[in-house]
Amino acid sequence: MKTATFRKVNLTVKRGNGYGQYIVSAQYRGKHIEVNTTDSECFDWIDDNSNKEKHREAKQHAYMKVKVAYEATQNFNRSVARHVGSNVYKAQ
């Protein structure tokens, strides 16, 4: 398990259950987010700052994966709330 911080978000990257599979996890805006990635450079460079550019890119990739996953959950929650309020789902 490898850790780093990007934009005040603590990121963790660990190996997944298959070849080339990695799991990025973080606490983002009060929610625990876990998302898969196949970017091996993210895993390789996230805690190795010997190459500053690759280290920054790895942290940025992990952060963006978490952010996109968080936004997807928020969009899903909004769409469900809209449908629950419509007449289609109201009990007759």
N, C-alpha and C. Protein backbone atom coordinates (compact mmCIF):
# COMPACT_ATOMS: atom_id res chain seq x y z
N MET A 1 0.85 -1.17 0.00
CA MET A 1 0.00 0.00 0.00
C MET A 1 0.90 1.24 0.00
N LYS A 2 0.58 2.17 -0.88
CA LYS A 2 1.36 3.39 -1.01
C LYS A 2 0.45 4.58 -0.77
N THR A 3 0.98 5.60 -0.15
CA THR A 3 0.17 6.77 0.19
C THR A 3 0.83 8.06 -0.29
N ALA A 4 -0.01 9.06 -0.50
CA ALA A 4 0.44 10.40 -0.87
C ALA A 4 -0.68 11.38 -0.58
N THR A 5 -0.36 12.65 -0.61
CA THR A 5 -1.36 13.69 -0.40
C THR A 5 -1.34 14.63 -1.60
N PHE A 6 -2.52 14.95 -2.10
CA PHE A 6 -2.66 15.89 -3.22
C PHE A 6 -3.89 16.74 -2.95
N ARG A 7 -3.72 18.05 -2.97
CA ARG A 7 -4.80 19.00 -2.69
C ARG A 7 -5.52 18.68 -1.37
N LYS A 8 -4.75 18.42 -0.35
CA LYS A 8 -5.24 18.14 1.00
C LYS A 8 -6.08 16.86 1.09
N VAL A 9 -5.94 15.97 0.12
CA VAL A 9 -6.65 14.68 0.13
C VAL A 9 -5.60 13.59 0.28
N ASN A 10 -5.77 12.74 1.29
CA ASN A 10 -4.87 11.62 1.50
C ASN A 10 -5.28 10.47 0.58
N LEU A 11 -4.38 10.10 -0.32
CA LEU A 11 -4.64 9.08 -1.32
C LEU A 11 -3.89 7.80 -0.96
N THR A 12 -4.52 6.66 -1.17
CA THR A 12 -3.90 5.36 -0.96
C THR A 12 -4.07 4.55 -2.23
N VAL A 13 -2.97 3.95 -2.70
CA VAL A 13 -3.03 3.09 -3.88
C VAL A 13 -2.48 1.73 -3.47
N LYS A 14 -3.25 0.69 -3.75
CA LYS A 14 -2.80 -0.67 -3.45
C LYS A 14 -3.09 -1.57 -4.63
N ARG A 15 -2.44 -2.72 -4.65
CA ARG A 15 -2.65 -3.67 -5.74
C ARG A 15 -4.05 -4.25 -5.64
N GLY A 16 -4.65 -4.46 -6.82
CA GLY A 16 -5.97 -5.08 -6.89
C GLY A 16 -5.84 -6.58 -6.94
N ASN A 17 -6.88 -7.23 -7.37
CA ASN A 17 -6.88 -8.68 -7.37
C ASN A 17 -6.52 -9.30 -8.71
N GLY A 18 -6.09 -8.50 -9.67
CA GLY A 18 -5.69 -9.03 -10.97
C GLY A 18 -4.44 -8.35 -11.47
N TYR A 19 -3.86 -8.90 -12.51
CA TYR A 19 -2.65 -8.33 -13.08
C TYR A 19 -2.94 -6.93 -13.62
N GLY A 20 -2.16 -5.96 -13.19
CA GLY A 20 -2.33 -4.60 -13.67
C GLY A 20 -3.52 -3.86 -13.08
N GLN A 21 -4.10 -4.38 -12.02
CA GLN A 21 -5.24 -3.74 -11.37
C GLN A 21 -4.79 -3.10 -10.06
N TYR A 22 -5.21 -1.87 -9.86
CA TYR A 22 -4.87 -1.14 -8.65
C TYR A 22 -6.12 -0.47 -8.11
N ILE A 23 -6.17 -0.26 -6.80
CA ILE A 23 -7.31 0.37 -6.15
C ILE A 23 -6.84 1.67 -5.51
N VAL A 24 -7.48 2.75 -5.89
CA VAL A 24 -7.20 4.07 -5.32
C VAL A 24 -8.31 4.36 -4.32
N SER A 25 -7.94 4.74 -3.11
CA SER A 25 -8.95 5.07 -2.11
C SER A 25 -8.59 6.36 -1.41
N ALA A 26 -9.63 7.06 -0.96
CA ALA A 26 -9.44 8.33 -0.27
C ALA A 26 -10.73 8.72 0.44
N GLN A 27 -10.59 9.58 1.41
CA GLN A 27 -11.72 10.23 2.06
C GLN A 27 -11.87 11.56 1.36
N TYR A 28 -12.93 11.73 0.57
CA TYR A 28 -13.11 12.93 -0.25
C TYR A 28 -14.45 13.56 0.08
N ARG A 29 -14.42 14.78 0.58
CA ARG A 29 -15.62 15.53 0.95
C ARG A 29 -16.55 14.72 1.85
N GLY A 30 -15.96 14.05 2.82
CA GLY A 30 -16.74 13.32 3.80
C GLY A 30 -17.18 11.93 3.40
N LYS A 31 -16.80 11.48 2.20
CA LYS A 31 -17.17 10.14 1.76
C LYS A 31 -15.92 9.32 1.48
N HIS A 32 -15.99 8.04 1.84
CA HIS A 32 -14.89 7.13 1.50
C HIS A 32 -15.10 6.66 0.07
N ILE A 33 -14.13 6.94 -0.78
CA ILE A 33 -14.22 6.60 -2.20
C ILE A 33 -13.14 5.58 -2.53
N GLU A 34 -13.52 4.52 -3.24
CA GLU A 34 -12.58 3.54 -3.77
C GLU A 34 -12.88 3.38 -5.24
N VAL A 35 -11.83 3.41 -6.05
CA VAL A 35 -11.99 3.31 -7.50
C VAL A 35 -10.82 2.52 -8.08
N ASN A 36 -11.09 1.78 -9.14
CA ASN A 36 -10.05 0.98 -9.80
C ASN A 36 -9.31 1.81 -10.84
N THR A 37 -8.06 1.43 -11.06
CA THR A 37 -7.27 2.01 -12.15
C THR A 37 -6.34 0.93 -12.69
N THR A 38 -5.93 1.10 -13.93
CA THR A 38 -4.96 0.18 -14.53
C THR A 38 -3.64 0.91 -14.81
N ASP A 39 -3.51 2.11 -14.29
CA ASP A 39 -2.31 2.91 -14.52
C ASP A 39 -1.20 2.46 -13.57
N SER A 40 -0.29 1.64 -14.07
CA SER A 40 0.79 1.13 -13.23
C SER A 40 1.76 2.23 -12.83
N GLU A 41 1.90 3.26 -13.65
CA GLU A 41 2.78 4.37 -13.29
C GLU A 41 2.26 5.10 -12.06
N CYS A 42 0.95 5.14 -11.91
CA CYS A 42 0.37 5.75 -10.71
C CYS A 42 0.84 5.00 -9.48
N PHE A 43 0.76 3.69 -9.53
CA PHE A 43 1.21 2.87 -8.40
C PHE A 43 2.72 3.00 -8.18
N ASP A 44 3.49 3.01 -9.26
CA ASP A 44 4.94 3.05 -9.16
C ASP A 44 5.46 4.37 -8.60
N TRP A 45 4.86 5.49 -8.99
CA TRP A 45 5.42 6.80 -8.69
C TRP A 45 4.71 7.56 -7.57
N ILE A 46 3.60 7.06 -7.06
CA ILE A 46 2.82 7.85 -6.09
C ILE A 46 3.59 8.17 -4.82
N ASP A 47 4.50 7.30 -4.41
CA ASP A 47 5.27 7.59 -3.19
C ASP A 47 6.76 7.73 -3.46
N ASP A 48 7.15 7.88 -4.72
CA ASP A 48 8.56 8.00 -5.09
C ASP A 48 8.76 9.36 -5.76
N ASN A 49 9.39 10.28 -5.06
CA ASN A 49 9.56 11.62 -5.61
C ASN A 49 10.94 11.83 -6.23
N SER A 50 11.60 10.77 -6.65
CA SER A 50 12.90 10.92 -7.31
C SER A 50 12.74 11.57 -8.68
N ASN A 51 11.58 11.40 -9.31
CA ASN A 51 11.25 12.09 -10.55
C ASN A 51 10.02 12.94 -10.23
N LYS A 52 10.21 14.22 -10.03
CA LYS A 52 9.14 15.12 -9.56
C LYS A 52 7.95 15.14 -10.51
N GLU A 53 8.19 15.13 -11.82
CA GLU A 53 7.09 15.21 -12.77
C GLU A 53 6.23 13.95 -12.73
N LYS A 54 6.84 12.78 -12.72
CA LYS A 54 6.08 11.53 -12.67
C LYS A 54 5.35 11.39 -11.33
N HIS A 55 6.00 11.85 -10.26
CA HIS A 55 5.38 11.82 -8.93
C HIS A 55 4.12 12.69 -8.91
N ARG A 56 4.22 13.89 -9.47
CA ARG A 56 3.07 14.80 -9.53
C ARG A 56 1.97 14.22 -10.41
N GLU A 57 2.33 13.65 -11.56
CA GLU A 57 1.34 13.07 -12.45
C GLU A 57 0.61 11.88 -11.80
N ALA A 58 1.34 11.08 -11.04
CA ALA A 58 0.73 9.94 -10.35
C ALA A 58 -0.28 10.42 -9.30
N LYS A 59 0.10 11.42 -8.53
CA LYS A 59 -0.83 11.96 -7.53
C LYS A 59 -2.03 12.60 -8.19
N GLN A 60 -1.81 13.32 -9.28
CA GLN A 60 -2.89 13.97 -9.99
C GLN A 60 -3.85 12.94 -10.58
N HIS A 61 -3.31 11.87 -11.14
CA HIS A 61 -4.15 10.80 -11.71
C HIS A 61 -5.03 10.18 -10.62
N ALA A 62 -4.43 9.84 -9.49
CA ALA A 62 -5.19 9.23 -8.40
C ALA A 62 -6.26 10.18 -7.89
N TYR A 63 -5.91 11.44 -7.73
CA TYR A 63 -6.87 12.44 -7.26
C TYR A 63 -8.05 12.58 -8.22
N MET A 64 -7.76 12.63 -9.52
CA MET A 64 -8.82 12.79 -10.50
C MET A 64 -9.74 11.57 -10.54
N LYS A 65 -9.19 10.37 -10.37
CA LYS A 65 -10.01 9.17 -10.32
C LYS A 65 -10.99 9.25 -9.14
N VAL A 66 -10.50 9.69 -8.00
CA VAL A 66 -11.35 9.82 -6.81
C VAL A 66 -12.40 10.90 -7.02
N LYS A 67 -12.00 12.02 -7.57
CA LYS A 67 -12.91 13.14 -7.79
C LYS A 67 -14.03 12.75 -8.76
N VAL A 68 -13.69 12.09 -9.85
CA VAL A 68 -14.70 11.67 -10.84
C VAL A 68 -15.66 10.65 -10.22
N ALA A 69 -15.14 9.72 -9.43
CA ALA A 69 -15.99 8.72 -8.77
C ALA A 69 -16.95 9.41 -7.79
N TYR A 70 -16.45 10.38 -7.04
CA TYR A 70 -17.29 11.13 -6.11
C TYR A 70 -18.40 11.87 -6.86
N GLU A 71 -18.04 12.55 -7.95
CA GLU A 71 -19.03 13.30 -8.72
C GLU A 71 -20.08 12.37 -9.32
N ALA A 72 -19.67 11.17 -9.71
CA ALA A 72 -20.63 10.20 -10.26
C ALA A 72 -21.65 9.81 -9.20
N THR A 73 -21.21 9.64 -7.95
CA THR A 73 -22.16 9.29 -6.89
C THR A 73 -23.10 10.45 -6.62
N GLN A 74 -22.60 11.67 -6.71
CA GLN A 74 -23.45 12.84 -6.47
C GLN A 74 -24.49 12.98 -7.58
N ASN A 75 -24.09 12.77 -8.82
CA ASN A 75 -25.03 12.87 -9.94
C ASN A 75 -26.09 11.78 -9.83
N PHE A 76 -25.70 10.59 -9.42
CA PHE A 76 -26.66 9.50 -9.24
C PHE A 76 -27.68 9.87 -8.16
N ASN A 77 -27.20 10.41 -7.05
CA ASN A 77 -28.11 10.79 -5.96
C ASN A 77 -29.08 11.87 -6.40
N ARG A 78 -28.62 12.83 -7.21
CA ARG A 78 -29.51 13.88 -7.69
C ARG A 78 -30.57 13.32 -8.63
N SER A 79 -30.19 12.40 -9.51
CA SER A 79 -31.17 11.86 -10.46
C SER A 79 -32.20 11.00 -9.73
N VAL A 80 -31.80 10.28 -8.71
CA VAL A 80 -32.75 9.49 -7.93
C VAL A 80 -33.71 10.41 -7.20
N ALA A 81 -33.21 11.50 -6.63
CA ALA A 81 -34.07 12.44 -5.91
C ALA A 81 -35.09 13.07 -6.85
N ARG A 82 -34.71 13.35 -8.09
CA ARG A 82 -35.66 13.91 -9.05
C ARG A 82 -36.77 12.93 -9.37
N HIS A 83 -36.42 11.65 -9.55
CA HIS A 83 -37.42 10.65 -9.90
C HIS A 83 -38.34 10.33 -8.72
N VAL A 84 -37.82 10.35 -7.53
CA VAL A 84 -38.64 10.07 -6.37
C VAL A 84 -39.69 11.15 -6.20
N GLY A 85 -39.36 12.38 -6.56
CA GLY A 85 -40.30 13.49 -6.45
C GLY A 85 -41.34 13.53 -7.56
N SER A 86 -41.15 12.77 -8.63
CA SER A 86 -42.08 12.82 -9.75
C SER A 86 -43.29 11.92 -9.48
N ASN A 87 -44.33 12.08 -10.30
CA ASN A 87 -45.55 11.31 -10.15
C ASN A 87 -45.37 9.84 -10.47
N VAL A 88 -44.36 9.48 -11.21
CA VAL A 88 -44.14 8.10 -11.62
C VAL A 88 -43.95 7.21 -10.40
N TYR A 89 -43.27 7.71 -9.40
CA TYR A 89 -42.93 6.89 -8.24
C TYR A 89 -43.85 7.11 -7.05
N LYS A 90 -44.83 7.98 -7.17
CA LYS A 90 -45.72 8.23 -6.04
C LYS A 90 -46.77 7.11 -5.94
N ALA A 91 -47.04 6.72 -4.72
CA ALA A 91 -48.05 5.67 -4.49
C ALA A 91 -49.42 6.21 -4.85
N GLN A 92 -50.25 5.38 -5.47
CA GLN A 92 -51.59 5.81 -5.91
C GLN A 92 -52.61 5.46 -4.85
